[in-house]
Each structure stands twice: as C-alpha cells, then as structure tokens.
Amino acid sequence: MDQQKVLVALEDVSTYFTVSGGMLRGKRTVKAVDGVSLEIREGETLGLVGESGCGKSTLGRTIVRLNEPTAGRILFEGKDVTELKGEALAQFRRETQMIFQDPYASLDPRMTIGEIIREPMVIHGLYGTEKQREEKVVELLQTVGLKPDHIRRYPHEFSGGQRQRISIARTLALQPKFIICDEPISALDVSIQAQIINILKRIQRETGIAYLFIAHDLSMVKHISHRIAVMYLGHIVEVGESDTIYRTPMHPYTKALLSAIPIPDPIRGKNRHRIPLGGEIPSPIDPPAGCPFCTRCPDAEERCFTQRPQLSQRGDRAVACFALEE
C-alpha cells in the first residue's frame, strides 16, 4: 500500500457548527472536526474509529461536501474540491459516493429497487438507453448477491442486510473511485455484518475502489482496513497500519479503546487488562485548551493542559502525544 498513489488528502480540515446557547449564552460553536489531516490511497481501506460523537461521520460527510468545511482543504486526485461548483462538483460527486448507516432511511420507500439504483444513472446520463440501464441494474444486484427479480420490489419487502446490499448497488451505479462507508454494518446482525464486509472486500479486489470505513466496532474494522486512524473529540490522535495499531497501540486513547474489545474466550477475557478512562468527558462546544484527551489521560503532563500536541511520525505510525516524544 505504501506505493499506492494518494487519492484523497485532507489538509487541516475543520467543520464547525453554530448552535444556540439560550438567552444568556447566545450562539456557541461546536467544533465537530478540528484540524484533521489524512491521506487515503488508491485501492486501500482506511478505517476511522472512535467513540460516538467524536466527529467521524461529520468528517465523512465533509469530504463529500454534504457538510461544508469551515477551514482547510480537501484534495481529490490533487484537485481542491472545496472550491468546486456546477459541473465540476457533479463530476466529483459521481466519483465519490457514500453508504449510510441506516439502509432503510436512505432508500425512498415509494420507489422500486430498480428505480432507486437506476436514478443516479439517469441524473448523470450514464449507460444510454433504458434497456442498457436496466441490464446494469440487474448486473449490480447480482454483484451484491441479490436476484434479478428483486428489481420490481420495494425497500420494505427486504431485510436490513438486503437493504444495505441495495445501498451498495446504488453506490456502485456511478462507478466511483472512492466510497465513504458511514457505519454501514452497525444496524445489522453480526452474521449479516460479515457478509456485507466480504462483499465490500470483494468489490475492492475487483474494481480497486478506495474506502473510508467509519465504525465503532473495532474488531470488524481490523478485518477490512489496511490502515486505521483513531479520532477523539474532532482530532486524529493516531494513524498507522492496521496490524501495527492493534498489536502495539501507542496513544493512551487507542490503548483504552482496544482494551475494551470483547474477547469470545472467557479465560482470555478474564485475564485481560482493561484500561478504564476516568476524568471528565469534554464537550466539543468547550474543548480543552491543550490536548483534547488531557482530561481523561492517565499520562497527562502539565503542558498537556495548555499545549496541543501535533500529529507527527513516531517510527511506523503518526501519533499526537507529548509523552511519546523522544
């Protein structure tokens, strides 16, 4: 993967939202994503993990400009997409697609499956005639493990796993180069989760698509990701190869996250060392002045509360932590 070309590059990307603080406080700013820099290479899967509310989904939506970035640049194949408009923006959105967490909410209940998958083809003028589009829809259904006769059914006639397969087929309709998977398996049964992961991995092998895989299920992220980025309170705190992160985590937050992964073996699970996190959980409205993790970190130093560590290379990965400085 190290030799692969960079497909998506984020440079100090921030996404802030203004919320009402009531009559006494007035308007306040939520720093959902704050100064994130990442690279995603062609044909790879970058897993993005962290607690609920850390900004993972907001970052994914910002990349495709469903949320507009407050600051920073988003480069796709070397072009700054934050400035795109009109036809150029439409072309970018054709090449960059998104799979959402809730497959039922993302599918129009009034449209048949064939109409749902065919709609992006019509919008972007692909595959020429209606007959060619219908043939492509059938091909996509078979790609995700559904039957051709499902084309005339409606979303409510399918299970959750089947709906997510439909969402994947719709995403593939435009032959994208990059797909953001926003917790695509969190609403599904465990047995179905493995099927969806296997479909995504097979599609990647066959097409070379790159994924940003957002999830909170760390054990599943390991199986699909080439590299992993750990996010906390809108910041990236550690990035590295998947096996490396899981084998030897370096950031205190990454260690705590991995220690919480359930182990199916009761004997090993009983003897494992769990790292509980104490302290106060900060708010993205009023984050700490220094390191975002300082209020919960067992290794926090005095400067952690006043200075923010930068994400910098530490051997085989990038980490943002003063305690790891040489």
C-alpha atoms as a PDB file:
ATOM      1  CA  MET A   1       0.000   0.000   0.000  1.00  0.00           C
ATOM      2  CA  ASP A   2       2.914   2.383   0.577  1.00  0.00           C
ATOM      3  CA  GLN A   3       3.494   2.586  -3.186  1.00  0.00           C
ATOM      4  CA  GLN A   4      -0.106   3.484  -3.993  1.00  0.00           C
ATOM      5  CA  LYS A   5      -0.961   6.963  -5.232  1.00  0.00           C
ATOM      6  CA  VAL A   6      -2.767   9.289  -2.814  1.00  0.00           C
ATOM      7  CA  LEU A   7      -6.399   9.607  -3.903  1.00  0.00           C
ATOM      8  CA  VAL A   8      -7.854  11.801  -1.131  1.00  0.00           C
ATOM      9  CA  ALA A   9      -5.851  14.213   1.020  1.00  0.00           C
ATOM     10  CA  LEU A  10      -7.213  16.291   3.897  1.00  0.00           C
ATOM     11  CA  GLU A  11      -5.186  19.310   4.965  1.00  0.00           C
ATOM     12  CA  ASP A  12      -6.141  20.830   8.347  1.00  0.00           C
ATOM     13  CA  VAL A  13      -9.849  20.306   7.691  1.00  0.00           C
ATOM     14  CA  SER A  14     -12.255  21.745  10.264  1.00  0.00           C
ATOM     15  CA  THR A  15     -16.045  21.645  10.399  1.00  0.00           C
ATOM     16  CA  TYR A  16     -17.768  23.878  12.937  1.00  0.00           C
ATOM     17  CA  PHE A  17     -21.477  24.310  13.626  1.00  0.00           C
ATOM     18  CA  THR A  18     -23.183  27.265  15.289  1.00  0.00           C
ATOM     19  CA  VAL A  19     -25.784  26.363  17.915  1.00  0.00           C
ATOM     20  CA  SER A  20     -27.983  28.408  20.195  1.00  0.00           C
ATOM     21  CA  GLY A  21     -26.852  28.595  23.813  1.00  0.00           C
ATOM     22  CA  GLY A  22     -30.093  30.141  25.033  1.00  0.00           C
ATOM     23  CA  MET A  23     -30.879  33.690  26.081  1.00  0.00           C
ATOM     24  CA  LEU A  24     -27.923  34.008  28.459  1.00  0.00           C
ATOM     25  CA  ARG A  25     -25.147  32.478  26.353  1.00  0.00           C
ATOM     26  CA  GLY A  26     -26.242  33.338  22.835  1.00  0.00           C
ATOM     27  CA  LYS A  27     -24.754  31.450  19.906  1.00  0.00           C
ATOM     28  CA  ARG A  28     -21.955  28.942  20.512  1.00  0.00           C
ATOM     29  CA  THR A  29     -19.647  26.960  18.233  1.00  0.00           C
ATOM     30  CA  VAL A  30     -19.441  23.160  18.104  1.00  0.00           C
ATOM     31  CA  LYS A  31     -16.027  22.069  16.832  1.00  0.00           C
ATOM     32  CA  ALA A  32     -17.091  18.721  15.367  1.00  0.00           C
ATOM     33  CA  VAL A  33     -13.923  18.324  13.275  1.00  0.00           C
ATOM     34  CA  ASP A  34     -10.885  20.379  14.212  1.00  0.00           C
ATOM     35  CA  GLY A  35      -7.725  20.470  12.095  1.00  0.00           C
ATOM     36  CA  VAL A  36      -7.743  16.959  10.597  1.00  0.00           C
ATOM     37  CA  SER A  37      -5.046  15.933   8.120  1.00  0.00           C
ATOM     38  CA  LEU A  38      -5.263  12.479   6.487  1.00  0.00           C
ATOM     39  CA  GLU A  39      -4.376  10.641   3.287  1.00  0.00           C
ATOM     40  CA  ILE A  40      -6.330   7.837   1.613  1.00  0.00           C
ATOM     41  CA  ARG A  41      -4.574   5.944  -1.158  1.00  0.00           C
ATOM     42  CA  GLU A  42      -5.935   4.305  -4.269  1.00  0.00           C
ATOM     43  CA  GLY A  43      -7.329   0.837  -3.633  1.00  0.00           C
ATOM     44  CA  GLU A  44      -6.938   0.932   0.154  1.00  0.00           C
ATOM     45  CA  THR A  45      -9.348   0.970   3.077  1.00  0.00           C
ATOM     46  CA  LEU A  46      -8.689   3.496   5.816  1.00  0.00           C
ATOM     47  CA  GLY A  47     -10.620   2.627   8.973  1.00  0.00           C
ATOM     48  CA  LEU A  48     -11.776   5.597  11.065  1.00  0.00           C
ATOM     49  CA  VAL A  49     -12.593   4.683  14.673  1.00  0.00           C
ATOM     50  CA  GLY A  50     -13.508   6.461  17.883  1.00  0.00           C
ATOM     51  CA  GLU A  51     -16.292   6.948  20.400  1.00  0.00           C
ATOM     52  CA  SER A  52     -19.764   8.124  19.403  1.00  0.00           C
ATOM     53  CA  GLY A  53     -19.768  11.894  18.953  1.00  0.00           C
ATOM     54  CA  CYS A  54     -16.055  12.192  18.154  1.00  0.00           C
ATOM     55  CA  GLY A  55     -16.745  13.591  14.656  1.00  0.00           C
ATOM     56  CA  LYS A  56     -16.258  10.507  12.452  1.00  0.00           C
ATOM     57  CA  SER A  57     -19.491  10.827  10.475  1.00  0.00           C
ATOM     58  CA  THR A  58     -19.150  14.609  10.230  1.00  0.00           C
ATOM     59  CA  LEU A  59     -15.699  14.161   8.695  1.00  0.00           C
ATOM     60  CA  GLY A  60     -17.073  11.677   6.148  1.00  0.00           C
ATOM     61  CA  ARG A  61     -19.932  13.993   5.213  1.00  0.00           C
ATOM     62  CA  THR A  62     -17.498  16.900   4.929  1.00  0.00           C
ATOM     63  CA  ILE A  63     -15.311  15.023   2.439  1.00  0.00           C
ATOM     64  CA  VAL A  64     -18.268  14.645   0.048  1.00  0.00           C
ATOM     65  CA  ARG A  65     -19.417  18.194   0.934  1.00  0.00           C
ATOM     66  CA  LEU A  66     -22.719  17.233   2.494  1.00  0.00           C
ATOM     67  CA  ASN A  67     -21.267  19.417   5.247  1.00  0.00           C
ATOM     68  CA  GLU A  68     -19.224  22.368   4.063  1.00  0.00           C
ATOM     69  CA  PRO A  69     -15.768  22.588   5.686  1.00  0.00           C
ATOM     70  CA  THR A  70     -15.140  25.635   7.851  1.00  0.00           C
ATOM     71  CA  ALA A  71     -11.407  25.611   7.120  1.00  0.00           C
ATOM     72  CA  GLY A  72      -8.746  23.554   5.384  1.00  0.00           C
ATOM     73  CA  ARG A  73      -8.517  21.844   2.004  1.00  0.00           C
ATOM     74  CA  ILE A  74      -9.844  18.546   0.630  1.00  0.00           C
ATOM     75  CA  LEU A  75      -7.888  17.268  -2.344  1.00  0.00           C
ATOM     76  CA  PHE A  76      -9.235  14.569  -4.663  1.00  0.00           C
ATOM     77  CA  GLU A  77      -6.696  13.387  -7.227  1.00  0.00           C
ATOM     78  CA  GLY A  78      -4.747  16.554  -6.468  1.00  0.00           C
ATOM     79  CA  LYS A  79      -7.667  18.950  -7.063  1.00  0.00           C
ATOM     80  CA  ASP A  80      -9.110  21.114  -4.291  1.00  0.00           C
ATOM     81  CA  VAL A  81     -12.775  20.056  -4.122  1.00  0.00           C
ATOM     82  CA  THR A  82     -13.728  22.746  -1.584  1.00  0.00           C
ATOM     83  CA  GLU A  83     -13.839  25.253  -4.442  1.00  0.00           C
ATOM     84  CA  LEU A  84     -15.756  23.106  -6.957  1.00  0.00           C
ATOM     85  CA  LYS A  85     -19.101  24.244  -8.324  1.00  0.00           C
ATOM     86  CA  GLY A  86     -21.567  23.244 -11.016  1.00  0.00           C
ATOM     87  CA  GLU A  87     -20.456  20.521 -13.417  1.00  0.00           C
ATOM     88  CA  ALA A  88     -17.087  20.057 -11.692  1.00  0.00           C
ATOM     89  CA  LEU A  89     -18.825  19.395  -8.360  1.00  0.00           C
ATOM     90  CA  ALA A  90     -21.246  16.973 -10.022  1.00  0.00           C
ATOM     91  CA  GLN A  91     -18.314  15.047 -11.529  1.00  0.00           C
ATOM     92  CA  PHE A  92     -16.620  14.862  -8.116  1.00  0.00           C
ATOM     93  CA  ARG A  93     -19.801  13.521  -6.518  1.00  0.00           C
ATOM     94  CA  ARG A  94     -20.069  10.915  -9.238  1.00  0.00           C
ATOM     95  CA  GLU A  95     -16.587   9.630  -8.384  1.00  0.00           C
ATOM     96  CA  THR A  96     -17.098   9.883  -4.607  1.00  0.00           C
ATOM     97  CA  GLN A  97     -20.077   8.080  -3.107  1.00  0.00           C
ATOM     98  CA  MET A  98     -21.387   7.337   0.388  1.00  0.00           C
ATOM     99  CA  ILE A  99     -23.035   4.347   2.086  1.00  0.00           C
ATOM    100  CA  PHE A 100     -25.117   5.460   5.068  1.00  0.00           C
ATOM    101  CA  GLN A 101     -25.641   3.804   8.442  1.00  0.00           C
ATOM    102  CA  ASP A 102     -29.394   3.205   8.187  1.00  0.00           C
ATOM    103  CA  PRO A 103     -30.163   1.491   4.859  1.00  0.00           C
ATOM    104  CA  TYR A 104     -33.936   1.914   5.246  1.00  0.00           C
ATOM    105  CA  ALA A 105     -33.779   5.663   5.874  1.00  0.00           C
ATOM    106  CA  SER A 106     -31.517   6.162   2.848  1.00  0.00           C
ATOM    107  CA  LEU A 107     -33.860   4.331   0.425  1.00  0.00           C
ATOM    108  CA  ASP A 108     -37.004   6.054  -0.907  1.00  0.00           C
ATOM    109  CA  PRO A 109     -39.927   3.811   0.188  1.00  0.00           C
ATOM    110  CA  ARG A 110     -42.040   4.979  -2.789  1.00  0.00           C
ATOM    111  CA  MET A 111     -39.547   3.768  -5.389  1.00  0.00           C
ATOM    112  CA  THR A 112     -38.828   0.216  -6.532  1.00  0.00           C
ATOM    113  CA  ILE A 113     -35.318  -1.156  -6.129  1.00  0.00           C
ATOM    114  CA  GLY A 114     -34.786  -0.844  -9.877  1.00  0.00           C
ATOM    115  CA  GLU A 115     -35.767   2.841  -9.793  1.00  0.00           C
ATOM    116  CA  ILE A 116     -33.526   3.520  -6.781  1.00  0.00           C
ATOM    117  CA  ILE A 117     -30.428   2.033  -8.422  1.00  0.00           C
ATOM    118  CA  ARG A 118     -31.241   3.496 -11.850  1.00  0.00           C
ATOM    119  CA  GLU A 119     -31.835   7.053 -10.567  1.00  0.00           C
ATOM    120  CA  PRO A 120     -28.140   8.116 -10.318  1.00  0.00           C
ATOM    121  CA  MET A 121     -27.543   6.726 -13.827  1.00  0.00           C
ATOM    122  CA  VAL A 122     -30.330   8.935 -15.164  1.00  0.00           C
ATOM    123  CA  ILE A 123     -29.110  12.020 -13.282  1.00  0.00           C
ATOM    124  CA  HIS A 124     -25.580  11.645 -14.650  1.00  0.00           C
ATOM    125  CA  GLY A 125     -26.641  10.429 -18.100  1.00  0.00           C
ATOM    126  CA  LEU A 126     -24.894   7.047 -17.962  1.00  0.00           C
ATOM    127  CA  TYR A 127     -25.439   3.819 -19.947  1.00  0.00           C
ATOM    128  CA  GLY A 128     -27.509   5.387 -22.749  1.00  0.00           C
ATOM    129  CA  THR A 129     -30.875   3.686 -23.197  1.00  0.00           C
ATOM    130  CA  GLU A 130     -33.371   2.470 -20.587  1.00  0.00           C
ATOM    131  CA  LYS A 131     -32.703  -1.116 -21.639  1.00  0.00           C
ATOM    132  CA  GLN A 132     -28.965  -0.708 -21.018  1.00  0.00           C
ATOM    133  CA  ARG A 133     -29.654   0.852 -17.631  1.00  0.00           C
ATOM    134  CA  GLU A 134     -31.957  -1.988 -16.634  1.00  0.00           C
ATOM    135  CA  GLU A 135     -29.302  -4.508 -17.659  1.00  0.00           C
ATOM    136  CA  LYS A 136     -26.794  -2.625 -15.489  1.00  0.00           C
ATOM    137  CA  VAL A 137     -29.207  -2.631 -12.543  1.00  0.00           C
ATOM    138  CA  VAL A 138     -29.595  -6.418 -12.826  1.00  0.00           C
ATOM    139  CA  GLU A 139     -25.802  -6.780 -13.003  1.00  0.00           C
ATOM    140  CA  LEU A 140     -25.354  -4.670  -9.868  1.00  0.00           C
ATOM    141  CA  LEU A 141     -27.996  -6.648  -7.967  1.00  0.00           C
ATOM    142  CA  GLN A 142     -26.140  -9.845  -8.790  1.00  0.00           C
ATOM    143  CA  THR A 143     -22.853  -8.239  -7.746  1.00  0.00           C
ATOM    144  CA  VAL A 144     -24.187  -7.670  -4.214  1.00  0.00           C
ATOM    145  CA  GLY A 145     -25.844 -11.093  -4.003  1.00  0.00           C
ATOM    146  CA  LEU A 146     -29.468 -10.240  -4.850  1.00  0.00           C
ATOM    147  CA  LYS A 147     -31.722 -11.745  -7.508  1.00  0.00           C
ATOM    148  CA  PRO A 148     -32.731 -10.067 -10.790  1.00  0.00           C
ATOM    149  CA  ASP A 149     -36.450 -10.342  -9.946  1.00  0.00           C
ATOM    150  CA  HIS A 150     -35.879  -8.078  -6.901  1.00  0.00           C
ATOM    151  CA  ILE A 151     -35.784  -5.163  -9.333  1.00  0.00           C
ATOM    152  CA  ARG A 152     -39.547  -4.529  -9.054  1.00  0.00           C
ATOM    153  CA  ARG A 153     -39.855  -4.838  -5.283  1.00  0.00           C
ATOM    154  CA  TYR A 154     -39.905  -2.027  -2.688  1.00  0.00           C
ATOM    155  CA  PRO A 155     -37.497  -1.437   0.248  1.00  0.00           C
ATOM    156  CA  HIS A 156     -39.985  -2.567   2.914  1.00  0.00           C
ATOM    157  CA  GLU A 157     -40.015  -6.054   1.365  1.00  0.00           C
ATOM    158  CA  PHE A 158     -36.369  -6.652   2.272  1.00  0.00           C
ATOM    159  CA  SER A 159     -34.417  -7.381   5.451  1.00  0.00           C
ATOM    160  CA  GLY A 160     -31.863  -4.943   6.874  1.00  0.00           C
ATOM    161  CA  GLY A 161     -28.949  -6.813   5.321  1.00  0.00           C
ATOM    162  CA  GLN A 162     -30.638  -6.897   1.922  1.00  0.00           C
ATOM    163  CA  ARG A 163     -31.361  -3.163   2.104  1.00  0.00           C
ATOM    164  CA  GLN A 164     -27.712  -2.463   2.774  1.00  0.00           C
ATOM    165  CA  ARG A 165     -26.811  -4.579  -0.263  1.00  0.00           C
ATOM    166  CA  ILE A 166     -29.209  -2.401  -2.276  1.00  0.00           C
ATOM    167  CA  SER A 167     -27.468   0.716  -0.932  1.00  0.00           C
ATOM    168  CA  ILE A 168     -24.122  -0.696  -2.036  1.00  0.00           C
ATOM    169  CA  ALA A 169     -25.502  -1.485  -5.504  1.00  0.00           C
ATOM    170  CA  ARG A 170     -26.805   2.079  -5.844  1.00  0.00           C
ATOM    171  CA  THR A 171     -23.412   3.421  -4.796  1.00  0.00           C
ATOM    172  CA  LEU A 172     -21.676   1.320  -7.464  1.00  0.00           C
ATOM    173  CA  ALA A 173     -24.032   2.543 -10.207  1.00  0.00           C
ATOM    174  CA  LEU A 174     -21.766   5.510 -10.964  1.00  0.00           C
ATOM    175  CA  GLN A 175     -18.506   3.501 -10.966  1.00  0.00           C
ATOM    176  CA  PRO A 176     -16.922   5.631  -8.197  1.00  0.00           C
ATOM    177  CA  LYS A 177     -13.250   5.671  -7.269  1.00  0.00           C
ATOM    178  CA  PHE A 178     -13.871   6.353  -3.579  1.00  0.00           C
ATOM    179  CA  ILE A 179     -16.671   5.312  -1.205  1.00  0.00           C
ATOM    180  CA  ILE A 180     -17.268   6.550   2.324  1.00  0.00           C
ATOM    181  CA  CYS A 181     -18.838   3.774   4.404  1.00  0.00           C
ATOM    182  CA  ASP A 182     -20.508   5.533   7.345  1.00  0.00           C
ATOM    183  CA  GLU A 183     -21.010   2.736   9.895  1.00  0.00           C
ATOM    184  CA  PRO A 184     -22.627   0.529   7.208  1.00  0.00           C
ATOM    185  CA  ILE A 185     -22.889  -2.549   9.450  1.00  0.00           C
ATOM    186  CA  SER A 186     -23.772  -1.122  12.878  1.00  0.00           C
ATOM    187  CA  ALA A 187     -27.532  -1.619  12.398  1.00  0.00           C
ATOM    188  CA  LEU A 188     -27.177  -5.237  11.214  1.00  0.00           C
ATOM    189  CA  ASP A 189     -26.966  -8.638  12.924  1.00  0.00           C
ATOM    190  CA  VAL A 190     -23.453  -9.986  13.488  1.00  0.00           C
ATOM    191  CA  SER A 191     -23.827 -12.772  10.894  1.00  0.00           C
ATOM    192  CA  ILE A 192     -25.029 -10.243   8.301  1.00  0.00           C
ATOM    193  CA  GLN A 193     -22.192  -7.851   9.148  1.00  0.00           C
ATOM    194  CA  ALA A 194     -19.631 -10.403   7.978  1.00  0.00           C
ATOM    195  CA  GLN A 195     -21.490 -10.841   4.676  1.00  0.00           C
ATOM    196  CA  ILE A 196     -21.503  -7.095   3.994  1.00  0.00           C
ATOM    197  CA  ILE A 197     -17.788  -6.832   4.844  1.00  0.00           C
ATOM    198  CA  ASN A 198     -16.990  -9.691   2.463  1.00  0.00           C
ATOM    199  CA  ILE A 199     -18.987  -8.018  -0.329  1.00  0.00           C
ATOM    200  CA  LEU A 200     -17.090  -4.750   0.156  1.00  0.00           C
ATOM    201  CA  LYS A 201     -13.728  -6.529   0.162  1.00  0.00           C
ATOM    202  CA  ARG A 202     -14.588  -8.494  -2.991  1.00  0.00           C
ATOM    203  CA  ILE A 203     -15.721  -5.340  -4.806  1.00  0.00           C
ATOM    204  CA  GLN A 204     -12.476  -3.630  -3.816  1.00  0.00           C
ATOM    205  CA  ARG A 205     -10.388  -6.517  -5.176  1.00  0.00           C
ATOM    206  CA  GLU A 206     -12.302  -6.466  -8.469  1.00  0.00           C
ATOM    207  CA  THR A 207     -12.501  -2.694  -9.028  1.00  0.00           C
ATOM    208  CA  GLY A 208      -9.723  -1.068  -6.996  1.00  0.00           C
ATOM    209  CA  ILE A 209     -12.139   1.239  -5.158  1.00  0.00           C
ATOM    210  CA  ALA A 210     -10.808   3.033  -2.060  1.00  0.00           C
ATOM    211  CA  TYR A 211     -12.870   3.128   1.142  1.00  0.00           C
ATOM    212  CA  LEU A 212     -13.058   5.317   4.208  1.00  0.00           C
ATOM    213  CA  PHE A 213     -14.636   2.828   6.615  1.00  0.00           C
ATOM    214  CA  ILE A 214     -16.192   4.585   9.622  1.00  0.00           C
ATOM    215  CA  ALA A 215     -17.144   2.342  12.539  1.00  0.00           C
ATOM    216  CA  HIS A 216     -17.079   1.890  16.284  1.00  0.00           C
ATOM    217  CA  ASP A 217     -16.784  -1.918  16.095  1.00  0.00           C
ATOM    218  CA  LEU A 218     -13.007  -2.165  16.376  1.00  0.00           C
ATOM    219  CA  SER A 219     -12.825  -5.920  15.825  1.00  0.00           C
ATOM    220  CA  MET A 220     -14.632  -5.611  12.471  1.00  0.00           C
ATOM    221  CA  VAL A 221     -12.554  -2.618  11.375  1.00  0.00           C
ATOM    222  CA  LYS A 222      -9.393  -4.692  11.713  1.00  0.00           C
ATOM    223  CA  HIS A 223     -10.615  -7.231   9.150  1.00  0.00           C
ATOM    224  CA  ILE A 224     -11.378  -4.728   6.399  1.00  0.00           C
ATOM    225  CA  SER A 225      -8.836  -1.925   6.932  1.00  0.00           C
ATOM    226  CA  HIS A 226      -5.300  -1.617   5.594  1.00  0.00           C
ATOM    227  CA  ARG A 227      -4.641   1.388   7.831  1.00  0.00           C
ATOM    228  CA  ILE A 228      -6.502   2.821  10.824  1.00  0.00           C
ATOM    229  CA  ALA A 229      -6.978   6.394  12.046  1.00  0.00           C
ATOM    230  CA  VAL A 230      -8.128   6.922  15.636  1.00  0.00           C
ATOM    231  CA  MET A 231     -10.278  10.002  16.271  1.00  0.00           C
ATOM    232  CA  TYR A 232     -11.029  11.760  19.552  1.00  0.00           C
ATOM    233  CA  LEU A 233     -13.066  14.948  20.031  1.00  0.00           C
ATOM    234  CA  GLY A 234     -12.628  16.042  16.416  1.00  0.00           C
ATOM    235  CA  HIS A 235      -8.875  15.286  16.268  1.00  0.00           C
ATOM    236  CA  ILE A 236      -6.831  12.427  14.823  1.00  0.00           C
ATOM    237  CA  VAL A 237      -4.619  11.050  17.607  1.00  0.00           C
ATOM    238  CA  GLU A 238      -3.003   8.022  15.911  1.00  0.00           C
ATOM    239  CA  VAL A 239      -2.640   6.662  12.354  1.00  0.00           C
ATOM    240  CA  GLY A 240      -0.886   3.508  11.250  1.00  0.00           C
ATOM    241  CA  GLU A 241      -1.064   0.112   9.601  1.00  0.00           C
ATOM    242  CA  SER A 242      -3.963  -1.979  10.879  1.00  0.00           C
ATOM    243  CA  ASP A 243      -1.883  -4.843  12.304  1.00  0.00           C
ATOM    244  CA  THR A 244       0.551  -2.413  13.901  1.00  0.00           C
ATOM    245  CA  ILE A 245      -2.143  -0.392  15.652  1.00  0.00           C
ATOM    246  CA  TYR A 246      -3.830  -3.491  17.052  1.00  0.00           C
ATOM    247  CA  ARG A 247      -0.604  -5.211  18.070  1.00  0.00           C
ATOM    248  CA  THR A 248       1.187  -2.250  19.681  1.00  0.00           C
ATOM    249  CA  PRO A 249      -1.063   0.798  20.217  1.00  0.00           C
ATOM    250  CA  MET A 250       0.863   3.886  21.333  1.00  0.00           C
ATOM    251  CA  HIS A 251      -1.607   6.680  22.156  1.00  0.00           C
ATOM    252  CA  PRO A 252      -3.305   6.290  25.580  1.00  0.00           C
ATOM    253  CA  TYR A 253      -6.738   6.647  23.995  1.00  0.00           C
ATOM    254  CA  THR A 254      -6.007   3.957  21.407  1.00  0.00           C
ATOM    255  CA  LYS A 255      -4.846   1.619  24.192  1.00  0.00           C
ATOM    256  CA  ALA A 256      -8.079   2.201  26.119  1.00  0.00           C
ATOM    257  CA  LEU A 257     -10.220   1.615  23.028  1.00  0.00           C
ATOM    258  CA  LEU A 258      -8.534  -1.653  22.137  1.00  0.00           C
ATOM    259  CA  SER A 259      -8.674  -2.902  25.721  1.00  0.00           C
ATOM    260  CA  ALA A 260     -12.478  -2.656  25.548  1.00  0.00           C
ATOM    261  CA  ILE A 261     -12.860  -5.059  22.580  1.00  0.00           C
ATOM    262  CA  PRO A 262     -14.826  -8.121  23.737  1.00  0.00           C
ATOM    263  CA  ILE A 263     -12.931 -11.439  23.640  1.00  0.00           C
ATOM    264  CA  PRO A 264     -15.074 -14.537  22.929  1.00  0.00           C
ATOM    265  CA  ASP A 265     -12.756 -16.755  25.020  1.00  0.00           C
ATOM    266  CA  PRO A 266     -13.894 -16.435  28.696  1.00  0.00           C
ATOM    267  CA  ILE A 267     -10.484 -17.460  30.072  1.00  0.00           C
ATOM    268  CA  ARG A 268      -8.551 -14.926  27.996  1.00  0.00           C
ATOM    269  CA  GLY A 269     -11.221 -12.318  28.639  1.00  0.00           C
ATOM    270  CA  LYS A 270     -10.950 -12.792  32.402  1.00  0.00           C
ATOM    271  CA  ASN A 271      -7.179 -12.340  32.377  1.00  0.00           C
ATOM    272  CA  ARG A 272      -7.027  -9.365  30.030  1.00  0.00           C
ATOM    273  CA  HIS A 273      -6.019  -5.906  31.260  1.00  0.00           C
ATOM    274  CA  ARG A 274      -8.851  -3.416  30.786  1.00  0.00           C
ATOM    275  CA  ILE A 275      -7.902   0.274  30.808  1.00  0.00           C
ATOM    276  CA  PRO A 276     -10.740   2.327  32.333  1.00  0.00           C
ATOM    277  CA  LEU A 277     -10.888   6.019  31.487  1.00  0.00           C
ATOM    278  CA  GLY A 278     -11.664   8.395  34.318  1.00  0.00           C
ATOM    279  CA  GLY A 279     -11.811  12.153  34.382  1.00  0.00           C
ATOM    280  CA  GLU A 280     -14.253  14.492  32.725  1.00  0.00           C
ATOM    281  CA  ILE A 281     -15.527  13.914  29.185  1.00  0.00           C
ATOM    282  CA  PRO A 282     -15.117  17.294  27.451  1.00  0.00           C
ATOM    283  CA  SER A 283     -17.672  18.902  25.154  1.00  0.00           C
ATOM    284  CA  PRO A 284     -16.928  19.882  21.536  1.00  0.00           C
ATOM    285  CA  ILE A 285     -18.520  23.237  22.418  1.00  0.00           C
ATOM    286  CA  ASP A 286     -15.900  23.891  25.090  1.00  0.00           C
ATOM    287  CA  PRO A 287     -12.903  21.620  24.337  1.00  0.00           C
ATOM    288  CA  PRO A 288      -9.699  21.672  26.436  1.00  0.00           C
ATOM    289  CA  ALA A 289      -7.159  24.353  25.581  1.00  0.00           C
ATOM    290  CA  GLY A 290      -4.372  21.802  25.203  1.00  0.00           C
ATOM    291  CA  CYS A 291      -4.511  18.134  24.239  1.00  0.00           C
ATOM    292  CA  PRO A 292      -8.134  17.111  23.605  1.00  0.00           C
ATOM    293  CA  PHE A 293      -7.579  13.931  25.670  1.00  0.00           C
ATOM    294  CA  CYS A 294      -5.866  15.596  28.661  1.00  0.00           C
ATOM    295  CA  THR A 295      -8.908  15.481  30.979  1.00  0.00           C
ATOM    296  CA  ARG A 296      -9.076  11.666  30.770  1.00  0.00           C
ATOM    297  CA  CYS A 297      -5.460  10.690  30.093  1.00  0.00           C
ATOM    298  CA  PRO A 298      -3.597   8.737  32.815  1.00  0.00           C
ATOM    299  CA  ASP A 299      -0.252  10.010  31.455  1.00  0.00           C
ATOM    300  CA  ALA A 300      -1.166  13.711  31.212  1.00  0.00           C
ATOM    301  CA  GLU A 301       1.634  16.187  31.960  1.00  0.00           C
ATOM    302  CA  GLU A 302       1.332  19.830  32.928  1.00  0.00           C
ATOM    303  CA  ARG A 303       1.888  21.058  29.372  1.00  0.00           C
ATOM    304  CA  CYS A 304      -0.855  18.748  28.067  1.00  0.00           C
ATOM    305  CA  PHE A 305      -3.426  21.127  29.577  1.00  0.00           C
ATOM    306  CA  THR A 306      -2.057  24.219  27.798  1.00  0.00           C
ATOM    307  CA  GLN A 307      -0.389  22.968  24.584  1.00  0.00           C
ATOM    308  CA  ARG A 308      -1.838  20.828  21.804  1.00  0.00           C
ATOM    309  CA  PRO A 309       0.418  18.012  20.541  1.00  0.00           C
ATOM    310  CA  GLN A 310       0.746  17.748  16.772  1.00  0.00           C
ATOM    311  CA  LEU A 311       0.267  14.538  14.811  1.00  0.00           C
ATOM    312  CA  SER A 312       3.855  13.569  13.974  1.00  0.00           C
ATOM    313  CA  GLN A 313       5.716  10.480  12.843  1.00  0.00           C
ATOM    314  CA  ARG A 314       6.839   8.096  15.573  1.00  0.00           C
ATOM    315  CA  GLY A 315       8.573   5.212  13.824  1.00  0.00           C
ATOM    316  CA  ASP A 316       5.959   3.159  11.963  1.00  0.00           C
ATOM    317  CA  ARG A 317       2.980   5.462  12.620  1.00  0.00           C
ATOM    318  CA  ALA A 318       1.847   9.023  13.351  1.00  0.00           C
ATOM    319  CA  VAL A 319       0.807   9.906  16.922  1.00  0.00           C
ATOM    320  CA  ALA A 320      -0.244  13.102  18.693  1.00  0.00           C
ATOM    321  CA  CYS A 321       1.108  12.732  22.239  1.00  0.00           C
ATOM    322  CA  PHE A 322       3.764  14.614  24.245  1.00  0.00           C
ATOM    323  CA  ALA A 323       4.556  11.518  26.355  1.00  0.00           C
ATOM    324  CA  LEU A 324       5.882   9.745  23.240  1.00  0.00           C
ATOM    325  CA  GLU A 325       8.362  12.445  22.279  1.00  0.00           C
ATOM    326  CA  GLU A 326      11.992  11.371  22.378  1.00  0.00           C
END
